[in-house]
PDB file of all heavy atoms in Angstrom:
ATOM      1  N   LEU A   1      66.418   2.036  30.165  1.00  0.00           N
ATOM      2  CA  LEU A   1      65.149   2.370  30.794  1.00  0.00           C
ATOM      3  C   LEU A   1      64.874   3.867  30.754  1.00  0.00           C
ATOM      4  O   LEU A   1      63.726   4.300  30.571  1.00  0.00           O
ATOM      5  CB  LEU A   1      65.127   1.861  32.245  1.00  0.00           C
ATOM      6  CG  LEU A   1      65.215   0.346  32.428  1.00  0.00           C
ATOM      7  CD1 LEU A   1      65.350  -0.011  33.910  1.00  0.00           C
ATOM      8  CD2 LEU A   1      63.984  -0.327  31.827  1.00  0.00           C
ATOM      9  N   PHE A   2      65.922   4.655  30.871  1.00  0.00           N
ATOM     10  CA  PHE A   2      65.757   6.103  30.818  1.00  0.00           C
ATOM     11  C   PHE A   2      65.277   6.533  29.397  1.00  0.00           C
ATOM     12  O   PHE A   2      64.362   7.329  29.249  1.00  0.00           O
ATOM     13  CB  PHE A   2      67.071   6.820  31.107  1.00  0.00           C
ATOM     14  CG  PHE A   2      67.017   8.310  30.915  1.00  0.00           C
ATOM     15  CD1 PHE A   2      66.382   9.117  31.854  1.00  0.00           C
ATOM     16  CD2 PHE A   2      67.624   8.871  29.791  1.00  0.00           C
ATOM     17  CE1 PHE A   2      66.322  10.493  31.683  1.00  0.00           C
ATOM     18  CE2 PHE A   2      67.580  10.261  29.642  1.00  0.00           C
ATOM     19  CZ  PHE A   2      66.928  11.087  30.574  1.00  0.00           C
ATOM     20  N   LEU A   3      65.913   5.955  28.364  1.00  0.00           N
ATOM     21  CA  LEU A   3      65.452   6.272  26.992  1.00  0.00           C
ATOM     22  C   LEU A   3      63.997   5.782  26.772  1.00  0.00           C
ATOM     23  O   LEU A   3      63.217   6.496  26.110  1.00  0.00           O
ATOM     24  CB  LEU A   3      66.365   5.558  25.986  1.00  0.00           C
ATOM     25  CG  LEU A   3      67.802   6.122  25.894  1.00  0.00           C
ATOM     26  CD1 LEU A   3      68.623   5.286  24.905  1.00  0.00           C
ATOM     27  CD2 LEU A   3      67.778   7.570  25.472  1.00  0.00           C
ATOM     28  N   CYS A   4      63.651   4.618  27.317  1.00  0.00           N
ATOM     29  CA  CYS A   4      62.281   4.134  27.193  1.00  0.00           C
ATOM     30  C   CYS A   4      61.293   5.123  27.847  1.00  0.00           C
ATOM     31  O   CYS A   4      60.211   5.406  27.326  1.00  0.00           O
ATOM     32  CB  CYS A   4      62.130   2.763  27.823  1.00  0.00           C
ATOM     33  SG  CYS A   4      62.994   1.450  26.955  1.00  0.00           S
ATOM     34  N   LEU A   5      61.679   5.659  29.023  1.00  0.00           N
ATOM     35  CA  LEU A   5      60.820   6.577  29.736  1.00  0.00           C
ATOM     36  C   LEU A   5      60.646   7.850  28.884  1.00  0.00           C
ATOM     37  O   LEU A   5      59.524   8.405  28.844  1.00  0.00           O
ATOM     38  CB  LEU A   5      61.424   6.929  31.082  1.00  0.00           C
ATOM     39  CG  LEU A   5      60.613   7.879  31.972  1.00  0.00           C
ATOM     40  CD1 LEU A   5      59.323   7.197  32.397  1.00  0.00           C
ATOM     41  CD2 LEU A   5      61.410   8.352  33.151  1.00  0.00           C
ATOM     42  N   MET A   6      61.708   8.320  28.272  1.00  0.00           N
ATOM     43  CA  MET A   6      61.588   9.517  27.440  1.00  0.00           C
ATOM     44  C   MET A   6      60.676   9.295  26.246  1.00  0.00           C
ATOM     45  O   MET A   6      59.922  10.190  25.884  1.00  0.00           O
ATOM     46  CB  MET A   6      63.014   9.923  26.959  1.00  0.00           C
ATOM     47  CG  MET A   6      63.951  10.399  28.066  1.00  0.00           C
ATOM     48  SD  MET A   6      63.333  11.846  28.986  1.00  0.00           S
ATOM     49  CE  MET A   6      62.605  11.070  30.438  1.00  0.00           C
ATOM     50  N   VAL A   7      60.764   8.088  25.652  1.00  0.00           N
ATOM     51  CA  VAL A   7      59.871   7.808  24.520  1.00  0.00           C
ATOM     52  C   VAL A   7      58.420   7.736  25.026  1.00  0.00           C
ATOM     53  O   VAL A   7      57.514   8.245  24.333  1.00  0.00           O
ATOM     54  CB  VAL A   7      60.305   6.478  23.848  1.00  0.00           C
ATOM     55  CG1 VAL A   7      59.289   6.070  22.827  1.00  0.00           C
ATOM     56  CG2 VAL A   7      61.663   6.626  23.181  1.00  0.00           C
ATOM     57  N   LEU A   8      58.189   7.124  26.161  1.00  0.00           N
ATOM     58  CA  LEU A   8      56.828   7.073  26.742  1.00  0.00           C
ATOM     59  C   LEU A   8      56.288   8.453  26.965  1.00  0.00           C
ATOM     60  O   LEU A   8      55.137   8.768  26.670  1.00  0.00           O
ATOM     61  CB  LEU A   8      56.854   6.258  28.020  1.00  0.00           C
ATOM     62  CG  LEU A   8      56.870   4.733  27.918  1.00  0.00           C
ATOM     63  CD1 LEU A   8      57.086   4.145  29.307  1.00  0.00           C
ATOM     64  CD2 LEU A   8      55.599   4.224  27.330  1.00  0.00           C
ATOM     65  N   PHE A   9      57.139   9.300  27.521  1.00  0.00           N
ATOM     66  CA  PHE A   9      56.720  10.682  27.850  1.00  0.00           C
ATOM     67  C   PHE A   9      56.371  11.427  26.561  1.00  0.00           C
ATOM     68  O   PHE A   9      55.314  12.119  26.485  1.00  0.00           O
ATOM     69  CB  PHE A   9      57.863  11.404  28.567  1.00  0.00           C
ATOM     70  CG  PHE A   9      57.530  12.828  28.900  1.00  0.00           C
ATOM     71  CD1 PHE A   9      56.613  13.149  29.903  1.00  0.00           C
ATOM     72  CD2 PHE A   9      58.132  13.896  28.208  1.00  0.00           C
ATOM     73  CE1 PHE A   9      56.330  14.461  30.217  1.00  0.00           C
ATOM     74  CE2 PHE A   9      57.849  15.186  28.518  1.00  0.00           C
ATOM     75  CZ  PHE A   9      56.947  15.482  29.533  1.00  0.00           C
ATOM     76  N   ALA A  10      57.200  11.288  25.527  1.00  0.00           N
ATOM     77  CA  ALA A  10      56.905  11.961  24.261  1.00  0.00           C
ATOM     78  C   ALA A  10      55.647  11.384  23.592  1.00  0.00           C
ATOM     79  O   ALA A  10      54.822  12.119  23.046  1.00  0.00           O
ATOM     80  CB  ALA A  10      58.106  11.799  23.333  1.00  0.00           C
ATOM     81  N   TYR A  11      55.508  10.051  23.682  1.00  0.00           N
ATOM     82  CA  TYR A  11      54.333   9.381  23.075  1.00  0.00           C
ATOM     83  C   TYR A  11      53.064   9.850  23.735  1.00  0.00           C
ATOM     84  O   TYR A  11      52.033  10.053  23.063  1.00  0.00           O
ATOM     85  CB  TYR A  11      54.498   7.881  23.208  1.00  0.00           C
ATOM     86  CG  TYR A  11      53.739   7.092  22.231  1.00  0.00           C
ATOM     87  CD1 TYR A  11      54.262   6.824  20.960  1.00  0.00           C
ATOM     88  CD2 TYR A  11      52.486   6.579  22.491  1.00  0.00           C
ATOM     89  CE1 TYR A  11      53.556   6.077  20.028  1.00  0.00           C
ATOM     90  CE2 TYR A  11      51.737   5.859  21.598  1.00  0.00           C
ATOM     91  CZ  TYR A  11      52.308   5.607  20.338  1.00  0.00           C
ATOM     92  OH  TYR A  11      51.601   4.879  19.400  1.00  0.00           O
ATOM     93  N   GLU A  12      53.085  10.014  25.060  1.00  0.00           N
ATOM     94  CA  GLU A  12      51.896  10.495  25.763  1.00  0.00           C
ATOM     95  C   GLU A  12      51.630  11.971  25.518  1.00  0.00           C
ATOM     96  O   GLU A  12      50.494  12.441  25.412  1.00  0.00           O
ATOM     97  CB  GLU A  12      52.043  10.225  27.257  1.00  0.00           C
ATOM     98  CG  GLU A  12      50.827  10.542  28.120  1.00  0.00           C
ATOM     99  CD  GLU A  12      49.669   9.595  27.854  1.00  0.00           C
ATOM    100  OE1 GLU A  12      49.890   8.558  27.196  1.00  0.00           O
ATOM    101  OE2 GLU A  12      48.574   9.867  28.331  1.00  0.00           O
ATOM    102  N   THR A  13      52.716  12.756  25.442  1.00  0.00           N
ATOM    103  CA  THR A  13      52.600  14.184  25.204  1.00  0.00           C
ATOM    104  C   THR A  13      51.941  14.480  23.852  1.00  0.00           C
ATOM    105  O   THR A  13      51.108  15.366  23.731  1.00  0.00           O
ATOM    106  CB  THR A  13      53.980  14.893  25.282  1.00  0.00           C
ATOM    107  OG1 THR A  13      54.519  14.643  26.592  1.00  0.00           O
ATOM    108  CG2 THR A  13      53.849  16.384  25.064  1.00  0.00           C
ATOM    109  N   TYR A  14      52.385  13.713  22.842  1.00  0.00           N
ATOM    110  CA  TYR A  14      51.869  13.888  21.475  1.00  0.00           C
ATOM    111  C   TYR A  14      50.857  12.783  21.156  1.00  0.00           C
ATOM    112  O   TYR A  14      50.929  12.171  20.094  1.00  0.00           O
ATOM    113  CB  TYR A  14      53.007  13.890  20.482  1.00  0.00           C
ATOM    114  CG  TYR A  14      54.053  14.913  20.769  1.00  0.00           C
ATOM    115  CD1 TYR A  14      55.340  14.579  21.132  1.00  0.00           C
ATOM    116  CD2 TYR A  14      53.747  16.270  20.630  1.00  0.00           C
ATOM    117  CE1 TYR A  14      56.303  15.540  21.420  1.00  0.00           C
ATOM    118  CE2 TYR A  14      54.705  17.245  20.919  1.00  0.00           C
ATOM    119  CZ  TYR A  14      55.977  16.899  21.300  1.00  0.00           C
ATOM    120  OH  TYR A  14      56.935  17.836  21.569  1.00  0.00           O
ATOM    121  N   ARG A  15      49.884  12.621  22.032  1.00  0.00           N
ATOM    122  CA  ARG A  15      48.934  11.542  21.914  1.00  0.00           C
ATOM    123  C   ARG A  15      48.192  11.516  20.599  1.00  0.00           C
ATOM    124  O   ARG A  15      47.999  10.462  19.998  1.00  0.00           O
ATOM    125  CB  ARG A  15      47.944  11.602  23.064  1.00  0.00           C
ATOM    126  CG  ARG A  15      46.751  10.667  22.960  1.00  0.00           C
ATOM    127  CD  ARG A  15      45.928  10.676  24.212  1.00  0.00           C
ATOM    128  NE  ARG A  15      46.617  10.042  25.273  1.00  0.00           N
ATOM    129  CZ  ARG A  15      46.673   8.709  25.488  1.00  0.00           C
ATOM    130  NH1 ARG A  15      46.071   7.894  24.637  1.00  0.00           N
ATOM    131  NH2 ARG A  15      47.354   8.227  26.478  1.00  0.00           N
ATOM    132  N   TYR A  16      47.781  12.634  20.109  1.00  0.00           N
ATOM    133  CA  TYR A  16      46.967  12.684  18.880  1.00  0.00           C
ATOM    134  C   TYR A  16      47.797  13.208  17.714  1.00  0.00           C
ATOM    135  O   TYR A  16      47.223  13.745  16.747  1.00  0.00           O
ATOM    136  CB  TYR A  16      45.746  13.573  19.111  1.00  0.00           C
ATOM    137  CG  TYR A  16      44.886  13.019  20.243  1.00  0.00           C
ATOM    138  CD1 TYR A  16      44.822  13.700  21.484  1.00  0.00           C
ATOM    139  CD2 TYR A  16      44.158  11.845  20.085  1.00  0.00           C
ATOM    140  CE1 TYR A  16      44.066  13.198  22.515  1.00  0.00           C
ATOM    141  CE2 TYR A  16      43.387  11.326  21.128  1.00  0.00           C
ATOM    142  CZ  TYR A  16      43.339  12.030  22.323  1.00  0.00           C
ATOM    143  OH  TYR A  16      42.591  11.536  23.356  1.00  0.00           O
ATOM    144  N   GLN A  17      49.144  13.052  17.772  1.00  0.00           N
ATOM    145  CA  GLN A  17      50.007  13.471  16.703  1.00  0.00           C
ATOM    146  C   GLN A  17      50.881  12.290  16.306  1.00  0.00           C
ATOM    147  O   GLN A  17      52.010  12.176  16.790  1.00  0.00           O
ATOM    148  CB  GLN A  17      50.823  14.670  17.107  1.00  0.00           C
ATOM    149  CG  GLN A  17      49.974  15.829  17.557  1.00  0.00           C
ATOM    150  CD  GLN A  17      50.793  17.018  18.025  1.00  0.00           C
ATOM    151  OE1 GLN A  17      51.637  17.557  17.313  1.00  0.00           O
ATOM    152  NE2 GLN A  17      50.557  17.472  19.247  1.00  0.00           N
ATOM    153  N   PRO A  18      50.393  11.373  15.469  1.00  0.00           N
ATOM    154  CA  PRO A  18      51.093  10.128  15.189  1.00  0.00           C
ATOM    155  C   PRO A  18      52.489  10.309  14.586  1.00  0.00           C
ATOM    156  O   PRO A  18      53.370   9.516  14.817  1.00  0.00           O
ATOM    157  CB  PRO A  18      50.137   9.387  14.225  1.00  0.00           C
ATOM    158  CG  PRO A  18      49.256  10.441  13.689  1.00  0.00           C
ATOM    159  CD  PRO A  18      49.115  11.461  14.756  1.00  0.00           C
ATOM    160  N   PHE A  19      52.689  11.349  13.808  1.00  0.00           N
ATOM    161  CA  PHE A  19      53.961  11.568  13.152  1.00  0.00           C
ATOM    162  C   PHE A  19      55.021  11.901  14.243  1.00  0.00           C
ATOM    163  O   PHE A  19      56.180  11.400  14.176  1.00  0.00           O
ATOM    164  CB  PHE A  19      53.918  12.653  12.112  1.00  0.00           C
ATOM    165  CG  PHE A  19      53.134  12.239  10.897  1.00  0.00           C
ATOM    166  CD1 PHE A  19      51.876  12.745  10.651  1.00  0.00           C
ATOM    167  CD2 PHE A  19      53.678  11.340   9.976  1.00  0.00           C
ATOM    168  CE1 PHE A  19      51.160  12.365   9.520  1.00  0.00           C
ATOM    169  CE2 PHE A  19      52.998  10.936   8.840  1.00  0.00           C
ATOM    170  CZ  PHE A  19      51.705  11.434   8.623  1.00  0.00           C
ATOM    171  N   LYS A  20      54.667  12.718  15.204  1.00  0.00           N
ATOM    172  CA  LYS A  20      55.567  13.032  16.303  1.00  0.00           C
ATOM    173  C   LYS A  20      55.815  11.814  17.175  1.00  0.00           C
ATOM    174  O   LYS A  20      56.920  11.646  17.682  1.00  0.00           O
ATOM    175  CB  LYS A  20      55.035  14.203  17.122  1.00  0.00           C
ATOM    176  CG  LYS A  20      55.068  15.537  16.354  1.00  0.00           C
ATOM    177  CD  LYS A  20      54.650  16.684  17.249  1.00  0.00           C
ATOM    178  CE  LYS A  20      54.749  18.018  16.513  1.00  0.00           C
ATOM    179  NZ  LYS A  20      54.344  19.168  17.363  1.00  0.00           N
ATOM    180  N   GLN A  21      54.765  11.008  17.377  1.00  0.00           N
ATOM    181  CA  GLN A  21      54.953   9.788  18.146  1.00  0.00           C
ATOM    182  C   GLN A  21      55.928   8.841  17.442  1.00  0.00           C
ATOM    183  O   GLN A  21      56.803   8.268  18.086  1.00  0.00           O
ATOM    184  CB  GLN A  21      53.601   9.093  18.323  1.00  0.00           C
ATOM    185  CG  GLN A  21      52.656   9.797  19.278  1.00  0.00           C
ATOM    186  CD  GLN A  21      51.363   9.079  19.412  1.00  0.00           C
ATOM    187  OE1 GLN A  21      50.847   8.500  18.444  1.00  0.00           O
ATOM    188  NE2 GLN A  21      50.748   9.142  20.569  1.00  0.00           N
ATOM    189  N   ALA A  22      55.798   8.701  16.123  1.00  0.00           N
ATOM    190  CA  ALA A  22      56.704   7.849  15.369  1.00  0.00           C
ATOM    191  C   ALA A  22      58.132   8.401  15.419  1.00  0.00           C
ATOM    192  O   ALA A  22      59.092   7.646  15.568  1.00  0.00           O
ATOM    193  CB  ALA A  22      56.243   7.764  13.910  1.00  0.00           C
ATOM    194  N   ALA A  23      58.271   9.740  15.348  1.00  0.00           N
ATOM    195  CA  ALA A  23      59.579  10.352  15.432  1.00  0.00           C
ATOM    196  C   ALA A  23      60.228  10.081  16.775  1.00  0.00           C
ATOM    197  O   ALA A  23      61.424   9.804  16.856  1.00  0.00           O
ATOM    198  CB  ALA A  23      59.474  11.854  15.186  1.00  0.00           C
ATOM    199  N   ALA A  24      59.425  10.133  17.845  1.00  0.00           N
ATOM    200  CA  ALA A  24      59.944   9.826  19.190  1.00  0.00           C
ATOM    201  C   ALA A  24      60.433   8.399  19.294  1.00  0.00           C
ATOM    202  O   ALA A  24      61.500   8.152  19.873  1.00  0.00           O
ATOM    203  CB  ALA A  24      58.874  10.131  20.219  1.00  0.00           C
ATOM    204  N   ALA A  25      59.654   7.459  18.742  1.00  0.00           N
ATOM    205  CA  ALA A  25      60.039   6.063  18.803  1.00  0.00           C
ATOM    206  C   ALA A  25      61.341   5.805  17.995  1.00  0.00           C
ATOM    207  O   ALA A  25      62.250   5.114  18.458  1.00  0.00           O
ATOM    208  CB  ALA A  25      58.921   5.177  18.270  1.00  0.00           C
ATOM    209  N   ILE A  26      61.427   6.395  16.786  1.00  0.00           N
ATOM    210  CA  ILE A  26      62.602   6.237  15.971  1.00  0.00           C
ATOM    211  C   ILE A  26      63.805   6.886  16.623  1.00  0.00           C
ATOM    212  O   ILE A  26      64.942   6.372  16.634  1.00  0.00           O
ATOM    213  CB  ILE A  26      62.372   6.811  14.570  1.00  0.00           C
ATOM    214  CG1 ILE A  26      61.292   5.987  13.855  1.00  0.00           C
ATOM    215  CG2 ILE A  26      63.651   6.839  13.769  1.00  0.00           C
ATOM    216  CD1 ILE A  26      60.818   6.619  12.533  1.00  0.00           C
ATOM    217  N   GLY A  27      63.586   8.103  17.217  1.00  0.00           N
ATOM    218  CA  GLY A  27      64.675   8.796  17.899  1.00  0.00           C
ATOM    219  C   GLY A  27      65.212   7.997  19.104  1.00  0.00           C
ATOM    220  O   GLY A  27      66.419   7.945  19.331  1.00  0.00           O
ATOM    221  N   GLY A  28      64.279   7.384  19.866  1.00  0.00           N
ATOM    222  CA  GLY A  28      64.714   6.551  20.994  1.00  0.00           C
ATOM    223  C   GLY A  28      65.523   5.363  20.584  1.00  0.00           C
ATOM    224  O   GLY A  28      66.503   5.020  21.159  1.00  0.00           O
ATOM    225  N   ALA A  29      65.063   4.714  19.468  1.00  0.00           N
ATOM    226  CA  ALA A  29      65.785   3.543  18.956  1.00  0.00           C
ATOM    227  C   ALA A  29      67.168   3.938  18.473  1.00  0.00           C
ATOM    228  O   ALA A  29      68.163   3.257  18.705  1.00  0.00           O
ATOM    229  CB  ALA A  29      65.002   2.867  17.845  1.00  0.00           C
ATOM    230  N   ALA A  30      67.245   5.115  17.748  1.00  0.00           N
ATOM    231  CA  ALA A  30      68.530   5.579  17.250  1.00  0.00           C
ATOM    232  C   ALA A  30      69.459   5.932  18.384  1.00  0.00           C
ATOM    233  O   ALA A  30      70.659   5.607  18.349  1.00  0.00           O
ATOM    234  CB  ALA A  30      68.314   6.784  16.350  1.00  0.00           C
ATOM    235  N   ALA A  31      68.938   6.576  19.450  1.00  0.00           N
ATOM    236  CA  ALA A  31      69.780   6.890  20.592  1.00  0.00           C
ATOM    237  C   ALA A  31      70.283   5.647  21.299  1.00  0.00           C
ATOM    238  O   ALA A  31      71.441   5.606  21.753  1.00  0.00           O
ATOM    239  CB  ALA A  31      68.946   7.747  21.594  1.00  0.00           C
ATOM    240  N   ALA A  32      69.462   4.604  21.384  1.00  0.00           N
ATOM    241  CA  ALA A  32      69.871   3.357  21.989  1.00  0.00           C
ATOM    242  C   ALA A  32      71.028   2.693  21.226  1.00  0.00           C
ATOM    243  O   ALA A  32      71.982   2.226  21.818  1.00  0.00           O
ATOM    244  CB  ALA A  32      68.705   2.381  22.045  1.00  0.00           C
ATOM    245  N   VAL A  33      70.951   2.778  19.880  1.00  0.00           N
ATOM    246  CA  VAL A  33      72.050   2.192  19.094  1.00  0.00           C
ATOM    247  C   VAL A  33      73.316   3.058  19.224  1.00  0.00           C
ATOM    248  O   VAL A  33      74.433   2.540  19.376  1.00  0.00           O
ATOM    249  CB  VAL A  33      71.635   2.090  17.627  1.00  0.00           C
ATOM    250  CG1 VAL A  33      72.816   1.640  16.732  1.00  0.00           C
ATOM    251  CG2 VAL A  33      70.473   1.102  17.454  1.00  0.00           C
ATOM    252  N   PHE A  34      73.151   4.392  19.142  1.00  0.00           N
ATOM    253  CA  PHE A  34      74.280   5.297  19.183  1.00  0.00           C
ATOM    254  C   PHE A  34      75.032   5.169  20.513  1.00  0.00           C
ATOM    255  O   PHE A  34      76.263   5.184  20.549  1.00  0.00           O
ATOM    256  CB  PHE A  34      73.836   6.738  18.959  1.00  0.00           C
ATOM    257  CG  PHE A  34      74.917   7.759  19.050  1.00  0.00           C
ATOM    258  CD1 PHE A  34      75.811   7.912  18.001  1.00  0.00           C
ATOM    259  CD2 PHE A  34      75.041   8.543  20.192  1.00  0.00           C
ATOM    260  CE1 PHE A  34      76.842   8.846  18.109  1.00  0.00           C
ATOM    261  CE2 PHE A  34      76.053   9.482  20.300  1.00  0.00           C
ATOM    262  CZ  PHE A  34      76.973   9.649  19.245  1.00  0.00           C
ATOM    263  N   LEU A  35      74.277   5.088  21.625  1.00  0.00           N
ATOM    264  CA  LEU A  35      74.898   5.019  22.939  1.00  0.00           C
ATOM    265  C   LEU A  35      75.327   3.580  23.311  1.00  0.00           C
ATOM    266  O   LEU A  35      75.956   3.408  24.336  1.00  0.00           O
ATOM    267  CB  LEU A  35      73.920   5.551  24.007  1.00  0.00           C
ATOM    268  CG  LEU A  35      73.550   7.015  23.911  1.00  0.00           C
ATOM    269  CD1 LEU A  35      72.452   7.404  24.880  1.00  0.00           C
ATOM    270  CD2 LEU A  35      74.777   7.876  24.126  1.00  0.00           C
TER     271      LEU A  35
END
């Protein structure tokens, strides 16, 4: 849930920057697998 919150925060922060939003989603998924 903490990782999900961080992805939501990044997604909202970079609302009009789709590449950064995609990077946040991929980073969150990678962190979930790594941890």
